[in-house]
């Protein structure tokens, strides 16, 4: 609840300065979708963001990205978890707002980073799978792949596969 109040104040401060907010930016798996009080405690921030044209930000990772994804429900515990949030909390309470996955990729299994588990082509296939998942939901704006040329995060660096990512983005309407 304290974070919701902080976000409300931040949304309003940004709005007073002609800006819009991306609220939440919660790390993978948070807030807990199995706790029926967790997301409702954040509703004031969601209401403020909706009123001011803001968006929600979440992080989603898996190793592989399809890890713990249930094709029958179309929801995941790591990637695709956003669907649980929208289906269980935001849509039923009429609180849908645009969503940005502000960090996405391979993480969670040591050693961390896609380079420790996959080839560039294999990782690209996972990113394409995730893109197809997000494209099915009109409220999803897109995702930011973690990371590009950030010192200390070499095992996540997508620079070696930038051409694959660029070609995919150019070829996908």
Foldseek 3Di string as FASTA:
>chain_A
DVLLVVLLVVQVVQVVVVHADAPDQDEFCPPPLVPVVRVVVNVSNLVSNVVSVYEYEYAAAAVPSCVQQDPVVLAGSGQRPVVSCCVVPQVVVVRQAAYEHAEYAYADDPPGAPQVPDDLVVRLVSVVVSVVSQVVDPRYPYYDYPDDPDPPPVRHHCVVVVVVVVVVVVVDD
